[in-house]
Amino acid sequence: KEGYADPTATEGDWVAVDLVPVKTLGKP
């Protein structure tokens, strides 16, 4: 999900996005 108002922000114009995991890297 693309940028939306960060629900943890009490003031200011801050942004959040939703991320989903795809895969663990084979080798860090």
mmCIF file of all heavy atoms, coordinates in Angstrom:
data_MODEL
# 
_entry.id   MODEL 
# 
loop_
_atom_site.group_PDB 
_atom_site.id 
_atom_site.type_symbol 
_atom_site.label_atom_id 
_atom_site.label_alt_id 
_atom_site.label_comp_id 
_atom_site.label_asym_id 
_atom_site.label_entity_id 
_atom_site.label_seq_id 
_atom_site.pdbx_PDB_ins_code 
_atom_site.Cartn_x 
_atom_site.Cartn_y 
_atom_site.Cartn_z 
_atom_site.occupancy 
_atom_site.B_iso_or_equiv 
_atom_site.pdbx_formal_charge 
_atom_site.auth_seq_id 
_atom_site.auth_comp_id 
_atom_site.auth_asym_id 
_atom_site.auth_atom_id 
_atom_site.pdbx_PDB_model_num 
ATOM 1   N N   . LYS A 1 1  ? 0.857  -1.194  0.000  1.00 0.00 ? 1  LYS A N   1 
ATOM 2   C CA  . LYS A 1 1  ? 0.000  0.000   0.000  1.00 0.00 ? 1  LYS A CA  1 
ATOM 3   C C   . LYS A 1 1  ? 0.885  1.233   0.000  1.00 0.00 ? 1  LYS A C   1 
ATOM 4   O O   . LYS A 1 1  ? 1.782  1.363   0.826  1.00 0.00 ? 1  LYS A O   1 
ATOM 5   C CB  . LYS A 1 1  ? -0.913 0.002   1.226  1.00 0.00 ? 1  LYS A CB  1 
ATOM 6   C CG  . LYS A 1 1  ? -1.884 1.166   1.259  1.00 0.00 ? 1  LYS A CG  1 
ATOM 7   C CD  . LYS A 1 1  ? -2.805 1.072   2.452  1.00 0.00 ? 1  LYS A CD  1 
ATOM 8   C CE  . LYS A 1 1  ? -3.752 2.260   2.505  1.00 0.00 ? 1  LYS A CE  1 
ATOM 9   N NZ  . LYS A 1 1  ? -4.564 2.230   3.730  1.00 0.00 ? 1  LYS A NZ  1 
ATOM 10  N N   . GLU A 1 2  ? 0.620  2.122   -0.952 1.00 0.00 ? 2  GLU A N   1 
ATOM 11  C CA  . GLU A 1 2  ? 1.407  3.347   -1.089 1.00 0.00 ? 2  GLU A CA  1 
ATOM 12  C C   . GLU A 1 2  ? 1.133  4.313   0.053  1.00 0.00 ? 2  GLU A C   1 
ATOM 13  O O   . GLU A 1 2  ? 0.199  4.122   0.837  1.00 0.00 ? 2  GLU A O   1 
ATOM 14  C CB  . GLU A 1 2  ? 1.092  3.990   -2.442 1.00 0.00 ? 2  GLU A CB  1 
ATOM 15  C CG  . GLU A 1 2  ? 1.530  3.127   -3.609 1.00 0.00 ? 2  GLU A CG  1 
ATOM 16  C CD  . GLU A 1 2  ? 1.190  3.706   -4.968 1.00 0.00 ? 2  GLU A CD  1 
ATOM 17  O OE1 . GLU A 1 2  ? 0.852  4.918   -5.055 1.00 0.00 ? 2  GLU A OE1 1 
ATOM 18  O OE2 . GLU A 1 2  ? 1.260  2.958   -5.956 1.00 0.00 ? 2  GLU A OE2 1 
ATOM 19  N N   . GLY A 1 3  ? 1.952  5.360   0.126  1.00 0.00 ? 3  GLY A N   1 
ATOM 20  C CA  . GLY A 1 3  ? 1.948  6.307   1.225  1.00 0.00 ? 3  GLY A CA  1 
ATOM 21  C C   . GLY A 1 3  ? 0.592  6.809   1.680  1.00 0.00 ? 3  GLY A C   1 
ATOM 22  O O   . GLY A 1 3  ? -0.259 7.158   0.865  1.00 0.00 ? 3  GLY A O   1 
ATOM 23  N N   . TYR A 1 4  ? 0.427  6.824   2.992  1.00 0.00 ? 4  TYR A N   1 
ATOM 24  C CA  . TYR A 1 4  ? -0.769 7.359   3.638  1.00 0.00 ? 4  TYR A CA  1 
ATOM 25  C C   . TYR A 1 4  ? -0.341 8.012   4.951  1.00 0.00 ? 4  TYR A C   1 
ATOM 26  O O   . TYR A 1 4  ? 0.791  7.822   5.398  1.00 0.00 ? 4  TYR A O   1 
ATOM 27  C CB  . TYR A 1 4  ? -1.833 6.275   3.865  1.00 0.00 ? 4  TYR A CB  1 
ATOM 28  C CG  . TYR A 1 4  ? -1.367 5.091   4.677  1.00 0.00 ? 4  TYR A CG  1 
ATOM 29  C CD1 . TYR A 1 4  ? -1.527 5.049   6.063  1.00 0.00 ? 4  TYR A CD1 1 
ATOM 30  C CD2 . TYR A 1 4  ? -0.771 3.999   4.051  1.00 0.00 ? 4  TYR A CD2 1 
ATOM 31  C CE1 . TYR A 1 4  ? -1.105 3.957   6.810  1.00 0.00 ? 4  TYR A CE1 1 
ATOM 32  C CE2 . TYR A 1 4  ? -0.350 2.899   4.784  1.00 0.00 ? 4  TYR A CE2 1 
ATOM 33  C CZ  . TYR A 1 4  ? -0.516 2.878   6.161  1.00 0.00 ? 4  TYR A CZ  1 
ATOM 34  O OH  . TYR A 1 4  ? -0.096 1.804   6.897  1.00 0.00 ? 4  TYR A OH  1 
ATOM 35  N N   . ALA A 1 5  ? -1.225 8.768   5.565  1.00 0.00 ? 5  ALA A N   1 
ATOM 36  C CA  . ALA A 1 5  ? -0.888 9.470   6.807  1.00 0.00 ? 5  ALA A CA  1 
ATOM 37  C C   . ALA A 1 5  ? -0.466 8.467   7.882  1.00 0.00 ? 5  ALA A C   1 
ATOM 38  O O   . ALA A 1 5  ? -1.169 7.493   8.149  1.00 0.00 ? 5  ALA A O   1 
ATOM 39  C CB  . ALA A 1 5  ? -2.077 10.290  7.287  1.00 0.00 ? 5  ALA A CB  1 
ATOM 40  N N   . ASP A 1 6  ? 0.698  8.703   8.481  1.00 0.00 ? 6  ASP A N   1 
ATOM 41  C CA  . ASP A 1 6  ? 1.224  7.816   9.520  1.00 0.00 ? 6  ASP A CA  1 
ATOM 42  C C   . ASP A 1 6  ? 0.332  7.907   10.766 1.00 0.00 ? 6  ASP A C   1 
ATOM 43  O O   . ASP A 1 6  ? 0.238  8.968   11.392 1.00 0.00 ? 6  ASP A O   1 
ATOM 44  C CB  . ASP A 1 6  ? 2.663  8.223   9.864  1.00 0.00 ? 6  ASP A CB  1 
ATOM 45  C CG  . ASP A 1 6  ? 3.334  7.291   10.842 1.00 0.00 ? 6  ASP A CG  1 
ATOM 46  O OD1 . ASP A 1 6  ? 2.636  6.594   11.608 1.00 0.00 ? 6  ASP A OD1 1 
ATOM 47  O OD2 . ASP A 1 6  ? 4.579  7.260   10.858 1.00 0.00 ? 6  ASP A OD2 1 
ATOM 48  N N   . PRO A 1 7  ? -0.313 6.807   11.146 1.00 0.00 ? 7  PRO A N   1 
ATOM 49  C CA  . PRO A 1 7  ? -1.212 6.851   12.294 1.00 0.00 ? 7  PRO A CA  1 
ATOM 50  C C   . PRO A 1 7  ? -0.495 7.046   13.633 1.00 0.00 ? 7  PRO A C   1 
ATOM 51  O O   . PRO A 1 7  ? -1.134 7.358   14.633 1.00 0.00 ? 7  PRO A O   1 
ATOM 52  C CB  . PRO A 1 7  ? -1.930 5.496   12.246 1.00 0.00 ? 7  PRO A CB  1 
ATOM 53  C CG  . PRO A 1 7  ? -1.015 4.602   11.477 1.00 0.00 ? 7  PRO A CG  1 
ATOM 54  C CD  . PRO A 1 7  ? -0.287 5.490   10.505 1.00 0.00 ? 7  PRO A CD  1 
ATOM 55  N N   . THR A 1 8  ? 0.836  6.887   13.653 1.00 0.00 ? 8  THR A N   1 
ATOM 56  C CA  . THR A 1 8  ? 1.580  7.076   14.908 1.00 0.00 ? 8  THR A CA  1 
ATOM 57  C C   . THR A 1 8  ? 2.010  8.524   15.112 1.00 0.00 ? 8  THR A C   1 
ATOM 58  O O   . THR A 1 8  ? 2.538  8.860   16.166 1.00 0.00 ? 8  THR A O   1 
ATOM 59  C CB  . THR A 1 8  ? 2.832  6.168   14.964 1.00 0.00 ? 8  THR A CB  1 
ATOM 60  O OG1 . THR A 1 8  ? 3.787  6.601   13.983 1.00 0.00 ? 8  THR A OG1 1 
ATOM 61  C CG2 . THR A 1 8  ? 2.468  4.704   14.737 1.00 0.00 ? 8  THR A CG2 1 
ATOM 62  N N   . ALA A 1 9  ? 1.797  9.368   14.117 1.00 0.00 ? 9  ALA A N   1 
ATOM 63  C CA  . ALA A 1 9  ? 2.224  10.772  14.201 1.00 0.00 ? 9  ALA A CA  1 
ATOM 64  C C   . ALA A 1 9  ? 1.161  11.602  14.919 1.00 0.00 ? 9  ALA A C   1 
ATOM 65  O O   . ALA A 1 9  ? -0.012 11.569  14.550 1.00 0.00 ? 9  ALA A O   1 
ATOM 66  C CB  . ALA A 1 9  ? 2.475  11.337  12.815 1.00 0.00 ? 9  ALA A CB  1 
ATOM 67  N N   . THR A 1 10 ? 1.586  12.331  15.935 1.00 0.00 ? 10 THR A N   1 
ATOM 68  C CA  . THR A 1 10 ? 0.659  13.205  16.665 1.00 0.00 ? 10 THR A CA  1 
ATOM 69  C C   . THR A 1 10 ? 0.643  14.612  16.085 1.00 0.00 ? 10 THR A C   1 
ATOM 70  O O   . THR A 1 10 ? -0.260 15.391  16.373 1.00 0.00 ? 10 THR A O   1 
ATOM 71  C CB  . THR A 1 10 ? 1.028  13.265  18.160 1.00 0.00 ? 10 THR A CB  1 
ATOM 72  O OG1 . THR A 1 10 ? 2.379  13.690  18.287 1.00 0.00 ? 10 THR A OG1 1 
ATOM 73  C CG2 . THR A 1 10 ? 0.845  11.908  18.813 1.00 0.00 ? 10 THR A CG2 1 
ATOM 74  N N   . GLU A 1 11 ? 1.667  14.931  15.279 1.00 0.00 ? 11 GLU A N   1 
ATOM 75  C CA  . GLU A 1 11 ? 1.709  16.225  14.596 1.00 0.00 ? 11 GLU A CA  1 
ATOM 76  C C   . GLU A 1 11 ? 2.602  16.088  13.373 1.00 0.00 ? 11 GLU A C   1 
ATOM 77  O O   . GLU A 1 11 ? 3.400  15.167  13.269 1.00 0.00 ? 11 GLU A O   1 
ATOM 78  C CB  . GLU A 1 11 ? 2.224  17.329  15.525 1.00 0.00 ? 11 GLU A CB  1 
ATOM 79  C CG  . GLU A 1 11 ? 3.633  17.076  16.045 1.00 0.00 ? 11 GLU A CG  1 
ATOM 80  C CD  . GLU A 1 11 ? 4.083  18.165  17.021 1.00 0.00 ? 11 GLU A CD  1 
ATOM 81  O OE1 . GLU A 1 11 ? 3.538  19.272  17.003 1.00 0.00 ? 11 GLU A OE1 1 
ATOM 82  O OE2 . GLU A 1 11 ? 5.004  17.886  17.783 1.00 0.00 ? 11 GLU A OE2 1 
ATOM 83  N N   . GLY A 1 12 ? 2.440  16.995  12.446 1.00 0.00 ? 12 GLY A N   1 
ATOM 84  C CA  . GLY A 1 12 ? 3.275  16.990  11.248 1.00 0.00 ? 12 GLY A CA  1 
ATOM 85  C C   . GLY A 1 12 ? 2.678  16.158  10.136 1.00 0.00 ? 12 GLY A C   1 
ATOM 86  O O   . GLY A 1 12 ? 1.654  15.499  10.287 1.00 0.00 ? 12 GLY A O   1 
ATOM 87  N N   . ASP A 1 13 ? 3.355  16.208  9.000  1.00 0.00 ? 13 ASP A N   1 
ATOM 88  C CA  . ASP A 1 13 ? 2.908  15.571  7.773  1.00 0.00 ? 13 ASP A CA  1 
ATOM 89  C C   . ASP A 1 13 ? 3.759  14.329  7.508  1.00 0.00 ? 13 ASP A C   1 
ATOM 90  O O   . ASP A 1 13 ? 4.592  14.314  6.607  1.00 0.00 ? 13 ASP A O   1 
ATOM 91  C CB  . ASP A 1 13 ? 3.036  16.593  6.623  1.00 0.00 ? 13 ASP A CB  1 
ATOM 92  C CG  . ASP A 1 13 ? 2.520  16.053  5.314  1.00 0.00 ? 13 ASP A CG  1 
ATOM 93  O OD1 . ASP A 1 13 ? 1.688  15.134  5.311  1.00 0.00 ? 13 ASP A OD1 1 
ATOM 94  O OD2 . ASP A 1 13 ? 2.976  16.558  4.265  1.00 0.00 ? 13 ASP A OD2 1 
ATOM 95  N N   . TRP A 1 14 ? 3.572  13.280  8.310  1.00 0.00 ? 14 TRP A N   1 
ATOM 96  C CA  . TRP A 1 14 ? 4.393  12.072  8.198  1.00 0.00 ? 14 TRP A CA  1 
ATOM 97  C C   . TRP A 1 14 ? 3.646  10.979  7.466  1.00 0.00 ? 14 TRP A C   1 
ATOM 98  O O   . TRP A 1 14 ? 2.414  10.957  7.440  1.00 0.00 ? 14 TRP A O   1 
ATOM 99  C CB  . TRP A 1 14 ? 4.852  11.626  9.579  1.00 0.00 ? 14 TRP A CB  1 
ATOM 100 C CG  . TRP A 1 14 ? 5.659  12.704  10.235 1.00 0.00 ? 14 TRP A CG  1 
ATOM 101 C CD1 . TRP A 1 14 ? 5.259  13.511  11.260 1.00 0.00 ? 14 TRP A CD1 1 
ATOM 102 C CD2 . TRP A 1 14 ? 6.969  13.142  9.870  1.00 0.00 ? 14 TRP A CD2 1 
ATOM 103 N NE1 . TRP A 1 14 ? 6.261  14.420  11.564 1.00 0.00 ? 14 TRP A NE1 1 
ATOM 104 C CE2 . TRP A 1 14 ? 7.314  14.219  10.714 1.00 0.00 ? 14 TRP A CE2 1 
ATOM 105 C CE3 . TRP A 1 14 ? 7.891  12.732  8.908  1.00 0.00 ? 14 TRP A CE3 1 
ATOM 106 C CZ2 . TRP A 1 14 ? 8.533  14.877  10.638 1.00 0.00 ? 14 TRP A CZ2 1 
ATOM 107 C CZ3 . TRP A 1 14 ? 9.108  13.389  8.824  1.00 0.00 ? 14 TRP A CZ3 1 
ATOM 108 C CH2 . TRP A 1 14 ? 9.418  14.444  9.679  1.00 0.00 ? 14 TRP A CH2 1 
ATOM 109 N N   . VAL A 1 15 ? 4.387  10.073  6.860  1.00 0.00 ? 15 VAL A N   1 
ATOM 110 C CA  . VAL A 1 15 ? 3.839  9.082   5.938  1.00 0.00 ? 15 VAL A CA  1 
ATOM 111 C C   . VAL A 1 15 ? 4.204  7.672   6.390  1.00 0.00 ? 15 VAL A C   1 
ATOM 112 O O   . VAL A 1 15 ? 5.269  7.436   6.957  1.00 0.00 ? 15 VAL A O   1 
ATOM 113 C CB  . VAL A 1 15 ? 4.416  9.335   4.516  1.00 0.00 ? 15 VAL A CB  1 
ATOM 114 C CG1 . VAL A 1 15 ? 3.974  8.277   3.533  1.00 0.00 ? 15 VAL A CG1 1 
ATOM 115 C CG2 . VAL A 1 15 ? 4.007  10.707  4.024  1.00 0.00 ? 15 VAL A CG2 1 
ATOM 116 N N   . ALA A 1 16 ? 3.314  6.739   6.092  1.00 0.00 ? 16 ALA A N   1 
ATOM 117 C CA  . ALA A 1 16 ? 3.565  5.310   6.295  1.00 0.00 ? 16 ALA A CA  1 
ATOM 118 C C   . ALA A 1 16 ? 3.257  4.589   4.991  1.00 0.00 ? 16 ALA A C   1 
ATOM 119 O O   . ALA A 1 16 ? 2.550  5.116   4.127  1.00 0.00 ? 16 ALA A O   1 
ATOM 120 C CB  . ALA A 1 16 ? 2.681  4.768   7.411  1.00 0.00 ? 16 ALA A CB  1 
ATOM 121 N N   . VAL A 1 17 ? 3.797  3.399   4.834  1.00 0.00 ? 17 VAL A N   1 
ATOM 122 C CA  . VAL A 1 17 ? 3.456  2.498   3.729  1.00 0.00 ? 17 VAL A CA  1 
ATOM 123 C C   . VAL A 1 17 ? 3.252  1.116   4.334  1.00 0.00 ? 17 VAL A C   1 
ATOM 124 O O   . VAL A 1 17 ? 3.734  0.828   5.422  1.00 0.00 ? 17 VAL A O   1 
ATOM 125 C CB  . VAL A 1 17 ? 4.553  2.430   2.630  1.00 0.00 ? 17 VAL A CB  1 
ATOM 126 C CG1 . VAL A 1 17 ? 4.743  3.774   1.953  1.00 0.00 ? 17 VAL A CG1 1 
ATOM 127 C CG2 . VAL A 1 17 ? 5.857  1.890   3.169  1.00 0.00 ? 17 VAL A CG2 1 
ATOM 128 N N   . ASP A 1 18 ? 2.539  0.265   3.618  1.00 0.00 ? 18 ASP A N   1 
ATOM 129 C CA  . ASP A 1 18 ? 2.399  -1.126  4.043  1.00 0.00 ? 18 ASP A CA  1 
ATOM 130 C C   . ASP A 1 18 ? 3.348  -1.984  3.220  1.00 0.00 ? 18 ASP A C   1 
ATOM 131 O O   . ASP A 1 18 ? 3.406  -1.850  1.985  1.00 0.00 ? 18 ASP A O   1 
ATOM 132 C CB  . ASP A 1 18 ? 0.974  -1.624  3.853  1.00 0.00 ? 18 ASP A CB  1 
ATOM 133 C CG  . ASP A 1 18 ? -0.002 -1.016  4.848  1.00 0.00 ? 18 ASP A CG  1 
ATOM 134 O OD1 . ASP A 1 18 ? 0.448  -0.340  5.804  1.00 0.00 ? 18 ASP A OD1 1 
ATOM 135 O OD2 . ASP A 1 18 ? -1.216 -1.217  4.667  1.00 0.00 ? 18 ASP A OD2 1 
ATOM 136 N N   . LEU A 1 19 ? 4.078  -2.845  3.917  1.00 0.00 ? 19 LEU A N   1 
ATOM 137 C CA  . LEU A 1 19 ? 5.026  -3.760  3.284  1.00 0.00 ? 19 LEU A CA  1 
ATOM 138 C C   . LEU A 1 19 ? 4.616  -5.193  3.562  1.00 0.00 ? 19 LEU A C   1 
ATOM 139 O O   . LEU A 1 19 ? 4.076  -5.493  4.635  1.00 0.00 ? 19 LEU A O   1 
ATOM 140 C CB  . LEU A 1 19 ? 6.443  -3.531  3.829  1.00 0.00 ? 19 LEU A CB  1 
ATOM 141 C CG  . LEU A 1 19 ? 7.043  -2.133  3.671  1.00 0.00 ? 19 LEU A CG  1 
ATOM 142 C CD1 . LEU A 1 19 ? 8.418  -2.078  4.327  1.00 0.00 ? 19 LEU A CD1 1 
ATOM 143 C CD2 . LEU A 1 19 ? 7.122  -1.738  2.204  1.00 0.00 ? 19 LEU A CD2 1 
ATOM 144 N N   . VAL A 1 20 ? 4.907  -6.075  2.612  1.00 0.00 ? 20 VAL A N   1 
ATOM 145 C CA  . VAL A 1 20 ? 4.715  -7.513  2.800  1.00 0.00 ? 20 VAL A CA  1 
ATOM 146 C C   . VAL A 1 20 ? 6.038  -8.216  2.500  1.00 0.00 ? 20 VAL A C   1 
ATOM 147 O O   . VAL A 1 20 ? 6.756  -7.833  1.575  1.00 0.00 ? 20 VAL A O   1 
ATOM 148 C CB  . VAL A 1 20 ? 3.595  -8.091  1.908  1.00 0.00 ? 20 VAL A CB  1 
ATOM 149 C CG1 . VAL A 1 20 ? 2.241  -7.553  2.315  1.00 0.00 ? 20 VAL A CG1 1 
ATOM 150 C CG2 . VAL A 1 20 ? 3.852  -7.825  0.442  1.00 0.00 ? 20 VAL A CG2 1 
ATOM 151 N N   . PRO A 1 21 ? 6.371  -9.244  3.284  1.00 0.00 ? 21 PRO A N   1 
ATOM 152 C CA  . PRO A 1 21 ? 7.611  -9.977  3.011  1.00 0.00 ? 21 PRO A CA  1 
ATOM 153 C C   . PRO A 1 21 ? 7.459  -10.822 1.748  1.00 0.00 ? 21 PRO A C   1 
ATOM 154 O O   . PRO A 1 21 ? 6.381  -11.366 1.488  1.00 0.00 ? 21 PRO A O   1 
ATOM 155 C CB  . PRO A 1 21 ? 7.793  -10.850 4.255  1.00 0.00 ? 21 PRO A CB  1 
ATOM 156 C CG  . PRO A 1 21 ? 6.427  -11.001 4.832  1.00 0.00 ? 21 PRO A CG  1 
ATOM 157 C CD  . PRO A 1 21 ? 5.658  -9.769  4.446  1.00 0.00 ? 21 PRO A CD  1 
ATOM 158 N N   . VAL A 1 22 ? 8.539  -10.928 0.980  1.00 0.00 ? 22 VAL A N   1 
ATOM 159 C CA  . VAL A 1 22 ? 8.559  -11.775 -0.209 1.00 0.00 ? 22 VAL A CA  1 
ATOM 160 C C   . VAL A 1 22 ? 9.374  -13.023 0.082  1.00 0.00 ? 22 VAL A C   1 
ATOM 161 O O   . VAL A 1 22 ? 8.893  -14.141 -0.071 1.00 0.00 ? 22 VAL A O   1 
ATOM 162 C CB  . VAL A 1 22 ? 9.127  -11.021 -1.430 1.00 0.00 ? 22 VAL A CB  1 
ATOM 163 C CG1 . VAL A 1 22 ? 9.304  -11.947 -2.624 1.00 0.00 ? 22 VAL A CG1 1 
ATOM 164 C CG2 . VAL A 1 22 ? 8.231  -9.839  -1.785 1.00 0.00 ? 22 VAL A CG2 1 
ATOM 165 N N   . LYS A 1 23 ? 10.623 -12.832 0.523  1.00 0.00 ? 23 LYS A N   1 
ATOM 166 C CA  . LYS A 1 23 ? 11.459 -13.984 0.862  1.00 0.00 ? 23 LYS A CA  1 
ATOM 167 C C   . LYS A 1 23 ? 12.680 -13.573 1.662  1.00 0.00 ? 23 LYS A C   1 
ATOM 168 O O   . LYS A 1 23 ? 13.157 -12.442 1.561  1.00 0.00 ? 23 LYS A O   1 
ATOM 169 C CB  . LYS A 1 23 ? 11.887 -14.757 -0.377 1.00 0.00 ? 23 LYS A CB  1 
ATOM 170 C CG  . LYS A 1 23 ? 12.757 -13.972 -1.359 1.00 0.00 ? 23 LYS A CG  1 
ATOM 171 C CD  . LYS A 1 23 ? 13.309 -14.808 -2.493 1.00 0.00 ? 23 LYS A CD  1 
ATOM 172 C CE  . LYS A 1 23 ? 12.238 -15.313 -3.400 1.00 0.00 ? 23 LYS A CE  1 
ATOM 173 N NZ  . LYS A 1 23 ? 12.726 -15.983 -4.604 1.00 0.00 ? 23 LYS A NZ  1 
ATOM 174 N N   . THR A 1 24 ? 13.171 -14.515 2.428  1.00 0.00 ? 24 THR A N   1 
ATOM 175 C CA  . THR A 1 24 ? 14.430 -14.356 3.142  1.00 0.00 ? 24 THR A CA  1 
ATOM 176 C C   . THR A 1 24 ? 15.553 -14.528 2.130  1.00 0.00 ? 24 THR A C   1 
ATOM 177 O O   . THR A 1 24 ? 15.483 -15.417 1.265  1.00 0.00 ? 24 THR A O   1 
ATOM 178 C CB  . THR A 1 24 ? 14.549 -15.418 4.259  1.00 0.00 ? 24 THR A CB  1 
ATOM 179 O OG1 . THR A 1 24 ? 13.440 -15.243 5.150  1.00 0.00 ? 24 THR A OG1 1 
ATOM 180 C CG2 . THR A 1 24 ? 15.852 -15.290 5.025  1.00 0.00 ? 24 THR A CG2 1 
ATOM 181 N N   . LEU A 1 25 ? 16.574 -13.700 2.221  1.00 0.00 ? 25 LEU A N   1 
ATOM 182 C CA  . LEU A 1 25 ? 17.688 -13.814 1.293  1.00 0.00 ? 25 LEU A CA  1 
ATOM 183 C C   . LEU A 1 25 ? 18.428 -15.131 1.534  1.00 0.00 ? 25 LEU A C   1 
ATOM 184 O O   . LEU A 1 25 ? 18.582 -15.569 2.679  1.00 0.00 ? 25 LEU A O   1 
ATOM 185 C CB  . LEU A 1 25 ? 18.650 -12.641 1.451  1.00 0.00 ? 25 LEU A CB  1 
ATOM 186 C CG  . LEU A 1 25 ? 18.070 -11.255 1.159  1.00 0.00 ? 25 LEU A CG  1 
ATOM 187 C CD1 . LEU A 1 25 ? 19.149 -10.192 1.279  1.00 0.00 ? 25 LEU A CD1 1 
ATOM 188 C CD2 . LEU A 1 25 ? 17.410 -11.196 -0.203 1.00 0.00 ? 25 LEU A CD2 1 
ATOM 189 N N   . GLY A 1 26 ? 18.902 -15.725 0.447  1.00 0.00 ? 26 GLY A N   1 
ATOM 190 C CA  . GLY A 1 26 ? 19.650 -16.974 0.550  1.00 0.00 ? 26 GLY A CA  1 
ATOM 191 C C   . GLY A 1 26 ? 20.909 -16.815 1.381  1.00 0.00 ? 26 GLY A C   1 
ATOM 192 O O   . GLY A 1 26 ? 21.325 -17.728 2.092  1.00 0.00 ? 26 GLY A O   1 
ATOM 193 N N   . LYS A 1 27 ? 21.499 -15.640 1.296  1.00 0.00 ? 27 LYS A N   1 
ATOM 194 C CA  . LYS A 1 27 ? 22.728 -15.328 2.028  1.00 0.00 ? 27 LYS A CA  1 
ATOM 195 C C   . LYS A 1 27 ? 22.674 -13.849 2.398  1.00 0.00 ? 27 LYS A C   1 
ATOM 196 O O   . LYS A 1 27 ? 22.592 -13.000 1.512  1.00 0.00 ? 27 LYS A O   1 
ATOM 197 C CB  . LYS A 1 27 ? 23.923 -15.613 1.113  1.00 0.00 ? 27 LYS A CB  1 
ATOM 198 C CG  . LYS A 1 27 ? 25.262 -15.296 1.675  1.00 0.00 ? 27 LYS A CG  1 
ATOM 199 C CD  . LYS A 1 27 ? 26.337 -15.624 0.627  1.00 0.00 ? 27 LYS A CD  1 
ATOM 200 C CE  . LYS A 1 27 ? 27.658 -15.047 1.034  1.00 0.00 ? 27 LYS A CE  1 
ATOM 201 N NZ  . LYS A 1 27 ? 28.661 -15.206 -0.016 1.00 0.00 ? 27 LYS A NZ  1 
ATOM 202 N N   . PRO A 1 28 ? 22.703 -13.507 3.701  1.00 0.00 ? 28 PRO A N   1 
ATOM 203 C CA  . PRO A 1 28 ? 22.703 -12.090 4.072  1.00 0.00 ? 28 PRO A CA  1 
ATOM 204 C C   . PRO A 1 28 ? 23.906 -11.361 3.462  1.00 0.00 ? 28 PRO A C   1 
ATOM 205 O O   . PRO A 1 28 ? 24.969 -11.958 3.275  1.00 0.00 ? 28 PRO A O   1 
ATOM 206 C CB  . PRO A 1 28 ? 22.819 -12.114 5.596  1.00 0.00 ? 28 PRO A CB  1 
ATOM 207 C CG  . PRO A 1 28 ? 22.350 -13.470 5.994  1.00 0.00 ? 28 PRO A CG  1 
ATOM 208 C CD  . PRO A 1 28 ? 22.747 -14.382 4.876  1.00 0.00 ? 28 PRO A CD  1 
# 
